[in-house]
């Protein structure tokens, strides 16, 4: 069925048309169009624009398999008028779509919320673009996972881009579990999250912290893979690329074969782990961290573990896996590439930091740890295996700076090459300060002269 106005589009959907084709560009009128059945809308490159009198979402989708293809939704930069699309159930696929120039409270372009009885499935695919949108939460996309079956999902893939959006939390995407519901986000197949800005989480903000719970009953699940890119996002606070606020020990953070380039924040230029009352075991493999910056800690990655209430933590072991990654020219105050800190008060846990087949080149810290800074009250086991550390610089600890307070906190270097690293004061390669029975073991390593 062909349509040429917003009202004709509404009538076609109410008539249960399965395929609708736009024949020209037009503006919104009346109220939001409700979609509760499967439909394919082909836009032929035309644009639907927000009229000055129109408030609310262009479309409210509650059920069915809905596909939008090859048209633009334009909010005309009107302030606080609602998202372009509201998704409360069913499946929505955006193929070669552009969503742009919209402002809302939650979700500048898309507001997705399930319910205890419904799930939503959102796919942004086929070179789609979400750009120039603003919100308090989620400049591009806001998602709240409410259904307890864990099937809610967001996928951004196939070279789609979320770019140039702004928010207080989650410049590109904001995701939140409620007290029972949880879901999943997949960033895959060369998707791009770029040039977004926020206070925290320039690219993405993801949390299961509900009203400062000690431990959430719901789990976070973030997967990046197959060439996903996080580029030039900025946070005035923490997490230039990703802010991951975790309170459940089973939260999943898996990033494989992805890149983080030129992201900026106060802490965690690329990734900030805020482990408030709990510890997780993230896996970061085959990734490129390049030219990220943080004002204070963690030029690329900052991992902060705390229990501010002083309660015992619900887990005793955390394993952080960084494998086959490259860290080049990242900068900060402490921990040019990687920063670990815990402020565990009453129940120090066992933490294992594993760096395998990883390269650290030309990273800088104005204070401690040109590549790696470790400050902890827990039992921290640090292993570097088959890795290269070249031309890193700091005031203390050109490569590694560590202050350890617990027994059984060894640092082991096996088959590690360190070349031309520098410290202005102490430890051209390694600086360790320990108030406990900690050991430094160096095996089969190759070191060249350094400047102290």
Protein backbone atom coordinates (compact mmCIF):
# COMPACT_ATOMS: atom_id res chain seq x y z
CA UNK A 1 0.00 0.00 0.00
CA UNK A 2 1.36 3.44 -0.96
CA UNK A 3 1.01 6.40 1.41
CA UNK A 4 1.88 10.09 1.01
CA UNK A 5 0.85 11.61 4.40
CA UNK A 6 1.16 10.75 8.07
CA UNK A 7 -2.59 10.20 8.29
CA UNK A 8 -2.52 7.83 5.32
CA UNK A 9 0.27 5.94 7.05
CA UNK A 10 -1.83 5.71 10.20
CA UNK A 11 -4.83 4.44 8.22
CA UNK A 12 -2.72 1.84 6.41
CA UNK A 13 -1.42 0.49 9.72
CA UNK A 14 -4.90 0.47 11.24
CA UNK A 15 -6.08 -1.49 8.18
CA UNK A 16 -3.44 -4.14 9.05
CA UNK A 17 -1.47 -3.62 5.83
CA UNK A 18 1.57 -5.90 5.82
CA UNK A 19 3.69 -3.80 3.43
CA UNK A 20 3.59 -0.01 3.19
CA UNK A 21 5.59 2.23 0.86
CA UNK A 22 6.19 5.95 1.36
CA UNK A 23 5.82 7.92 -1.87
CA UNK A 24 7.15 11.27 -0.65
CA UNK A 25 8.34 13.14 2.44
CA UNK A 26 5.80 14.55 4.92
CA UNK A 27 5.33 15.85 8.47
CA UNK A 28 3.66 14.30 11.50
CA UNK A 29 0.10 15.14 12.52
CA UNK A 30 -2.40 14.02 15.12
CA UNK A 31 -1.10 11.55 17.69
CA UNK A 32 1.52 8.80 17.78
CA UNK A 33 0.85 5.90 15.41
CA UNK A 34 0.23 2.68 17.32
CA UNK A 35 1.64 -0.55 15.87
CA UNK A 36 0.59 -3.88 17.40
CA UNK A 37 1.08 -6.26 14.47
CA UNK A 38 3.76 -7.24 11.95
CA UNK A 39 4.42 -4.69 9.20
CA UNK A 40 7.16 -3.72 6.74
CA UNK A 41 7.50 -0.01 5.92
CA UNK A 42 9.70 0.87 2.94
CA UNK A 43 10.64 4.54 2.89
CA UNK A 44 12.31 4.91 -0.53
CA UNK A 45 14.72 7.46 0.98
CA UNK A 46 12.00 9.92 2.08
CA UNK A 47 11.74 11.77 5.42
CA UNK A 48 9.07 12.01 8.11
CA UNK A 49 9.60 15.26 10.05
CA UNK A 50 8.18 16.43 13.37
CA UNK A 51 5.70 19.26 12.95
CA UNK A 52 5.83 22.11 15.45
CA UNK A 53 2.54 21.08 17.07
CA UNK A 54 3.37 17.38 17.37
CA UNK A 55 4.53 15.99 20.73
CA UNK A 56 5.21 12.42 21.70
CA UNK A 57 6.66 9.55 19.69
CA UNK A 58 6.12 9.16 15.96
CA UNK A 59 5.48 5.43 16.51
CA UNK A 60 4.54 3.37 19.57
CA UNK A 61 5.24 -0.34 18.97
CA UNK A 62 3.78 -2.95 21.32
CA UNK A 63 3.74 -6.21 19.36
CA UNK A 64 4.58 -7.97 16.08
CA UNK A 65 7.64 -8.04 13.85
CA UNK A 66 8.15 -4.50 12.60
CA UNK A 67 10.69 -3.51 9.96
CA UNK A 68 11.48 0.11 9.05
CA UNK A 69 13.64 0.41 5.93
CA UNK A 70 15.34 3.26 4.09
CA UNK A 71 13.78 6.45 5.42
CA UNK A 72 14.54 9.22 7.92
CA UNK A 73 12.77 10.25 11.11
CA UNK A 74 13.67 13.87 11.88
CA UNK A 75 12.75 15.55 15.17
CA UNK A 76 13.58 19.05 13.94
CA UNK A 77 15.42 19.73 17.22
CA UNK A 78 12.30 20.57 19.18
CA UNK A 79 12.92 20.38 22.94
CA UNK A 80 11.53 17.70 25.27
CA UNK A 81 8.91 16.34 22.91
CA UNK A 82 9.34 12.59 23.34
CA UNK A 83 11.39 9.95 21.54
CA UNK A 84 11.03 9.30 17.84
CA UNK A 85 10.10 5.67 18.56
CA UNK A 86 8.63 4.08 21.68
CA UNK A 87 9.11 0.30 21.87
CA UNK A 88 7.25 -1.61 24.60
CA UNK A 89 7.05 -5.07 23.03
CA UNK A 90 7.64 -7.04 19.87
CA UNK A 91 10.56 -6.84 17.46
CA UNK A 92 11.78 -3.70 15.68
CA UNK A 93 14.44 -3.79 12.97
CA UNK A 94 15.88 -0.57 11.57
CA UNK A 95 17.47 -1.18 8.16
CA UNK A 96 19.26 1.69 6.37
CA UNK A 97 17.39 4.10 8.60
CA UNK A 98 18.36 7.54 9.91
CA UNK A 99 16.95 8.82 13.22
CA UNK A 100 18.08 12.35 13.96
CA UNK A 101 17.67 15.80 15.50
CA UNK A 102 15.38 14.88 18.39
CA UNK A 103 15.25 15.76 22.10
CA UNK A 104 13.56 13.83 24.89
CA UNK A 105 13.90 13.02 28.58
CA UNK A 106 14.72 9.32 28.11
CA UNK A 107 15.98 8.20 24.72
CA UNK A 108 16.55 10.99 22.25
CA UNK A 109 15.75 8.67 19.34
CA UNK A 110 14.39 5.44 20.87
CA UNK A 111 12.77 4.63 24.22
CA UNK A 112 12.55 0.86 24.74
CA UNK A 113 10.93 -0.62 27.86
CA UNK A 114 9.58 -4.10 28.34
CA UNK A 115 7.06 -5.14 31.00
CA UNK A 116 6.66 -8.19 33.27
CA UNK A 117 4.59 -9.79 30.49
CA UNK A 118 6.28 -8.50 27.30
CA UNK A 119 9.73 -8.51 25.70
CA UNK A 120 11.30 -6.18 23.17
CA UNK A 121 13.92 -6.95 20.52
CA UNK A 122 15.62 -3.97 18.89
CA UNK A 123 18.02 -4.33 15.95
CA UNK A 124 19.85 -1.37 14.41
CA UNK A 125 21.35 -2.86 11.26
CA UNK A 126 22.27 -2.29 7.62
CA UNK A 127 24.15 1.03 7.86
CA UNK A 128 21.48 2.71 9.97
CA UNK A 129 22.39 5.96 11.75
CA UNK A 130 21.19 7.53 15.01
CA UNK A 131 22.60 11.04 15.25
CA UNK A 132 22.30 14.52 16.77
CA UNK A 133 19.80 13.52 19.47
CA UNK A 134 19.70 14.61 23.12
CA UNK A 135 18.21 13.29 26.36
CA UNK A 136 18.80 13.12 30.08
CA UNK A 137 19.28 9.34 29.85
CA UNK A 138 20.40 7.83 26.56
CA UNK A 139 21.06 10.49 23.94
CA UNK A 140 20.45 7.96 21.17
CA UNK A 141 18.77 4.96 22.85
CA UNK A 142 17.23 4.45 26.30
CA UNK A 143 16.44 0.88 27.33
CA UNK A 144 14.93 -0.43 30.55
CA UNK A 145 14.86 -4.21 30.92
CA UNK A 146 11.83 -5.15 33.05
CA UNK A 147 10.92 -8.71 32.03
CA UNK A 148 12.55 -11.34 34.27
CA UNK A 149 13.03 -13.93 31.49
CA UNK A 150 16.14 -12.08 30.26
CA UNK A 151 15.12 -12.13 26.60
CA UNK A 152 15.04 -8.35 26.02
CA UNK A 153 17.85 -7.43 23.65
CA UNK A 154 19.46 -4.63 21.66
CA UNK A 155 21.75 -5.34 18.72
CA UNK A 156 23.72 -2.73 16.80
CA UNK A 157 25.51 -4.24 13.82
CA UNK A 158 26.45 -4.21 10.13
CA UNK A 159 28.27 -0.86 10.11
CA UNK A 160 25.42 1.02 11.76
CA UNK A 161 26.43 4.15 13.67
CA UNK A 162 25.30 5.88 16.84
CA UNK A 163 27.03 9.24 16.68
CA UNK A 164 27.02 12.87 17.84
CA UNK A 165 24.40 12.35 20.56
CA UNK A 166 24.36 13.89 24.06
CA UNK A 167 22.97 12.97 27.48
CA UNK A 168 23.68 13.24 31.18
CA UNK A 169 24.17 9.45 31.37
CA UNK A 170 24.87 7.42 28.26
CA UNK A 171 25.58 9.84 25.43
CA UNK A 172 24.93 7.14 22.85
CA UNK A 173 23.04 4.45 24.80
CA UNK A 174 21.67 4.12 28.33
CA UNK A 175 20.69 0.67 29.63
CA UNK A 176 19.13 -0.20 32.98
CA UNK A 177 17.87 -3.35 34.66
CA UNK A 178 14.97 -2.93 37.06
CA UNK A 179 14.78 -4.95 40.29
CA UNK A 180 13.60 -8.11 38.45
CA UNK A 181 14.24 -7.67 34.73
CA UNK A 182 17.39 -8.02 32.68
CA UNK A 183 18.48 -8.18 29.05
CA UNK A 184 21.43 -8.00 26.70
CA UNK A 185 23.24 -5.61 24.36
CA UNK A 186 25.29 -6.79 21.40
CA UNK A 187 27.62 -4.46 19.52
CA UNK A 188 28.91 -6.44 16.55
CA UNK A 189 29.94 -6.51 12.89
CA UNK A 190 31.79 -3.19 12.60
CA UNK A 191 29.15 -1.06 14.27
CA UNK A 192 30.37 2.39 15.35
CA UNK A 193 29.66 4.31 18.57
CA UNK A 194 31.32 7.68 17.96
CA UNK A 195 31.48 11.33 18.99
CA UNK A 196 28.86 11.03 21.73
CA UNK A 197 29.06 13.05 24.96
CA UNK A 198 27.77 12.61 28.51
CA UNK A 199 28.63 13.29 32.12
CA UNK A 200 29.19 9.54 32.62
CA UNK A 201 29.33 6.96 29.86
CA UNK A 202 30.09 9.03 26.78
CA UNK A 203 29.25 6.10 24.51
CA UNK A 204 27.31 3.72 26.77
CA UNK A 205 26.08 3.70 30.37
CA UNK A 206 24.90 0.32 31.71
CA UNK A 207 23.68 -0.34 35.25
CA UNK A 208 21.80 -2.76 37.48
CA UNK A 209 22.12 -0.57 40.55
CA UNK A 210 18.59 0.08 41.79
CA UNK A 211 18.27 2.51 44.70
CA UNK A 212 21.83 1.73 45.85
CA UNK A 213 21.14 -1.95 46.42
CA UNK A 214 23.95 -3.91 48.04
CA UNK A 215 23.69 -6.58 45.36
CA UNK A 216 21.24 -6.57 42.47
CA UNK A 217 19.37 -9.79 41.69
CA UNK A 218 19.61 -9.02 37.95
CA UNK A 219 22.62 -9.39 35.67
CA UNK A 220 24.19 -7.12 33.09
CA UNK A 221 25.20 -8.65 29.76
CA UNK A 222 27.34 -6.62 27.35
CA UNK A 223 29.04 -8.18 24.32
CA UNK A 224 31.25 -6.40 21.77
CA UNK A 225 32.71 -8.42 18.91
CA UNK A 226 33.76 -8.63 15.24
CA UNK A 227 35.15 -5.17 14.68
CA UNK A 228 32.88 -3.01 16.84
CA UNK A 229 34.32 0.51 17.22
CA UNK A 230 34.13 2.96 20.12
CA UNK A 231 35.66 6.22 18.87
CA UNK A 232 36.06 9.78 20.16
CA UNK A 233 33.36 9.61 22.82
CA UNK A 234 33.72 11.92 25.81
CA UNK A 235 32.58 11.96 29.44
CA UNK A 236 33.20 14.89 31.75
CA UNK A 237 32.98 12.34 34.56
CA UNK A 238 33.91 8.69 34.05
CA UNK A 239 33.84 6.21 31.19
CA UNK A 240 34.55 7.99 27.93
CA UNK A 241 33.50 4.94 25.94
CA UNK A 242 31.64 2.72 28.43
CA UNK A 243 30.53 3.18 32.05
CA UNK A 244 29.72 -0.26 33.51
CA UNK A 245 28.07 0.04 36.94
CA UNK A 246 27.88 -3.47 38.35
CA UNK A 247 26.40 -4.83 41.59
CA UNK A 248 25.97 -8.50 40.63
CA UNK A 249 28.88 -10.95 40.62
CA UNK A 250 27.44 -12.76 37.58
CA UNK A 251 27.44 -9.70 35.32
CA UNK A 252 28.99 -10.41 31.91
CA UNK A 253 31.37 -8.03 30.16
CA UNK A 254 32.91 -9.58 27.05
CA UNK A 255 34.77 -7.50 24.48
CA UNK A 256 36.54 -9.29 21.63
CA UNK A 257 38.23 -7.97 18.47
CA UNK A 258 36.99 -4.41 18.95
CA UNK A 259 38.65 -0.99 19.02
CA UNK A 260 38.61 1.96 21.42
CA UNK A 261 40.16 5.03 19.83
CA UNK A 262 40.54 8.59 21.20
CA UNK A 263 37.91 8.40 23.93
CA UNK A 264 38.22 10.80 26.88
CA UNK A 265 37.03 10.97 30.50
CA UNK A 266 38.07 11.86 34.03
CA UNK A 267 38.61 8.16 34.82
CA UNK A 268 38.57 5.32 32.33
CA UNK A 269 39.16 7.02 29.01
CA UNK A 270 37.77 4.01 27.14
CA UNK A 271 36.11 1.85 29.87
CA UNK A 272 35.21 2.57 33.48
CA UNK A 273 34.22 -0.34 35.73
CA UNK A 274 32.31 0.94 38.77
CA UNK A 275 32.05 -2.18 40.93
CA UNK A 276 29.94 -0.85 43.74
CA UNK A 277 29.57 -3.59 46.37
CA UNK A 278 30.61 -6.43 44.05
CA UNK A 279 33.31 -7.77 41.77
CA UNK A 280 33.07 -9.26 38.28
CA UNK A 281 35.44 -11.04 35.92
CA UNK A 282 35.56 -9.13 32.61
CA UNK A 283 37.18 -10.56 29.50
CA UNK A 284 38.87 -8.23 26.97
CA UNK A 285 40.58 -10.02 24.09
CA UNK A 286 42.10 -9.00 20.77
CA UNK A 287 41.23 -5.33 21.16
CA UNK A 288 42.99 -2.12 20.15
CA UNK A 289 43.13 0.70 22.72
CA UNK A 290 44.72 3.72 21.10
CA UNK A 291 45.11 7.38 22.11
CA UNK A 292 42.50 7.31 24.86
CA UNK A 293 42.86 9.87 27.65
CA UNK A 294 41.77 10.26 31.25
CA UNK A 295 42.39 13.28 33.42
CA UNK A 296 43.04 11.24 36.56
CA UNK A 297 43.10 7.43 36.33
CA UNK A 298 43.11 4.77 33.63
CA UNK A 299 43.97 6.26 30.27
CA UNK A 300 42.25 3.30 28.62
CA UNK A 301 40.68 1.21 31.43
CA UNK A 302 39.87 1.95 35.07
CA UNK A 303 38.60 -0.83 37.36
CA UNK A 304 37.34 0.51 40.71
CA UNK A 305 36.17 -1.98 43.34
CA UNK A 306 34.57 -0.75 46.54
CA UNK A 307 32.20 -1.58 49.37
CA UNK A 308 31.44 1.88 50.74
CA UNK A 309 29.00 0.59 53.34
CA UNK A 310 31.67 -1.67 54.80
CA UNK A 311 29.60 -4.82 54.30
CA UNK A 312 31.25 -8.08 53.30
CA UNK A 313 31.41 -8.61 49.57
CA UNK A 314 29.40 -11.50 48.11
CA UNK A 315 32.33 -12.94 46.12
CA UNK A 316 35.82 -13.90 47.10
CA UNK A 317 37.54 -14.09 43.71
CA UNK A 318 37.74 -11.81 40.68
CA UNK A 319 39.64 -12.74 37.51
CA UNK A 320 40.38 -9.95 35.02
CA UNK A 321 41.49 -11.29 31.64
CA UNK A 322 43.27 -9.07 29.13
CA UNK A 323 44.64 -11.09 26.25
CA UNK A 324 46.10 -10.33 22.81
CA UNK A 325 45.29 -6.64 23.23
CA UNK A 326 47.23 -3.58 22.13
CA UNK A 327 47.52 -0.40 24.21
CA UNK A 328 49.19 2.45 22.34
CA UNK A 329 49.64 6.12 23.34
CA UNK A 330 47.04 6.22 26.09
CA UNK A 331 47.53 8.94 28.71
CA UNK A 332 46.43 9.84 32.25
CA UNK A 333 47.67 10.70 35.75
CA UNK A 334 47.88 7.09 37.05
CA UNK A 335 47.84 3.97 34.92
CA UNK A 336 48.47 5.10 31.36
CA UNK A 337 46.75 2.01 29.95
CA UNK A 338 45.20 0.18 32.94
CA UNK A 339 44.30 1.31 36.46
CA UNK A 340 43.12 -0.94 39.28
CA UNK A 341 41.99 0.32 42.67
CA UNK A 342 40.02 -1.22 45.50
CA UNK A 343 38.95 0.34 48.75
CA UNK A 344 37.73 -2.88 50.39
CA UNK A 345 37.31 -2.17 54.07
CA UNK A 346 36.34 -5.33 55.93
CA UNK A 347 36.62 -8.27 53.52
CA UNK A 348 39.59 -8.17 51.16
CA UNK A 349 39.07 -10.55 48.25
CA UNK A 350 41.40 -12.36 45.87
CA UNK A 351 41.92 -10.55 42.57
CA UNK A 352 43.80 -12.01 39.61
CA UNK A 353 45.03 -9.56 36.94
CA UNK A 354 46.11 -11.51 33.85
CA UNK A 355 47.80 -9.82 30.88
CA UNK A 356 48.74 -12.32 28.16
CA UNK A 357 50.21 -11.70 24.69
CA UNK A 358 49.53 -8.00 25.15
CA UNK A 359 51.48 -4.99 23.87
CA UNK A 360 51.91 -1.71 25.77
CA UNK A 361 53.59 0.97 23.65
CA UNK A 362 54.17 4.66 24.39
CA UNK A 363 51.60 4.97 27.15
CA UNK A 364 52.11 7.78 29.66
CA UNK A 365 51.20 8.58 33.25
CA UNK A 366 52.04 11.89 34.85
CA UNK A 367 52.37 10.14 38.22
CA UNK A 368 52.38 6.35 38.62
CA UNK A 369 52.44 3.49 36.12
CA UNK A 370 53.13 4.38 32.51
CA UNK A 371 51.21 1.26 31.51
CA UNK A 372 49.73 -0.30 34.67
CA UNK A 373 48.88 1.12 38.10
CA UNK A 374 47.68 -1.16 40.92
CA UNK A 375 46.47 0.23 44.25
CA UNK A 376 44.74 -2.26 46.49
CA UNK A 377 43.75 -3.54 49.88
CA UNK A 378 42.92 -6.99 48.50
CA UNK A 379 45.11 -9.98 47.71
CA UNK A 380 46.12 -9.07 44.15
CA UNK A 381 47.92 -11.53 41.91
CA UNK A 382 49.35 -9.89 38.78
CA UNK A 383 50.57 -12.01 35.86
CA UNK A 384 52.16 -10.69 32.67
CA UNK A 385 52.98 -13.39 30.14
CA UNK A 386 54.41 -13.18 26.60
CA UNK A 387 53.93 -9.42 26.46
CA UNK A 388 55.84 -6.37 25.23
CA UNK A 389 56.27 -3.06 27.08
CA UNK A 390 57.95 -0.41 24.97
CA UNK A 391 58.65 3.32 25.46
CA UNK A 392 56.18 3.84 28.28
CA UNK A 393 56.70 6.77 30.64
CA UNK A 394 55.71 7.85 34.15
CA UNK A 395 57.00 9.80 37.11
CA UNK A 396 57.27 6.54 39.06
CA UNK A 397 57.15 3.10 37.49
CA UNK A 398 57.68 3.56 33.77
CA UNK A 399 55.73 0.35 33.11
CA UNK A 400 54.19 -0.81 36.40
CA UNK A 401 53.44 1.05 39.62
CA UNK A 402 51.97 -0.96 42.51
CA UNK A 403 51.13 -0.31 46.14
CA UNK A 404 50.13 -3.57 47.84
CA UNK A 405 48.92 -4.00 51.43
CA UNK A 406 47.92 -7.69 51.64
CA UNK A 407 50.02 -10.84 51.85
CA UNK A 408 50.02 -13.20 48.88
CA UNK A 409 50.08 -10.37 46.32
CA UNK A 410 52.73 -11.50 43.84
CA UNK A 411 53.70 -9.83 40.59
CA UNK A 412 54.99 -12.31 38.00
CA UNK A 413 56.55 -11.44 34.64
CA UNK A 414 57.19 -14.34 32.25
CA UNK A 415 58.64 -13.90 28.76
CA UNK A 416 58.08 -10.15 28.87
CA UNK A 417 60.15 -7.70 26.80
CA UNK A 418 60.67 -4.22 28.25
CA UNK A 419 62.37 -1.64 26.03
CA UNK A 420 63.18 2.06 26.54
CA UNK A 421 60.70 2.67 29.33
CA UNK A 422 61.29 5.72 31.51
CA UNK A 423 60.53 7.07 34.97
CA UNK A 424 61.37 10.60 36.04
CA UNK A 425 61.98 9.54 39.65
CA UNK A 426 61.81 5.84 40.58
CA UNK A 427 61.53 2.54 38.75
CA UNK A 428 62.24 2.92 35.07
CA UNK A 429 60.32 -0.29 34.49
CA UNK A 430 58.73 -1.33 37.80
CA UNK A 431 58.01 0.39 41.09
CA UNK A 432 56.50 -1.71 43.90
CA UNK A 433 55.71 -0.54 47.42
CA UNK A 434 54.48 -3.26 49.74
CA UNK A 435 53.52 -3.30 53.42
CA UNK A 436 53.04 -7.07 53.26
CA UNK A 437 54.77 -10.24 52.18
CA UNK A 438 54.56 -9.66 48.42
CA UNK A 439 56.96 -11.00 45.80
CA UNK A 440 58.20 -9.89 42.39
CA UNK A 441 59.15 -12.75 40.06
CA UNK A 442 60.84 -12.16 36.70
CA UNK A 443 61.41 -15.15 34.40
CA UNK A 444 62.86 -15.36 30.88
CA UNK A 445 62.44 -11.64 30.31
CA UNK A 446 64.36 -9.32 28.04
CA UNK A 447 65.08 -5.80 29.23
CA UNK A 448 67.01 -3.00 27.58
CA UNK A 449 68.42 0.04 29.37
CA UNK A 450 65.92 2.48 30.79
CA UNK A 451 66.14 6.03 32.03
CA UNK A 452 65.31 6.73 35.71
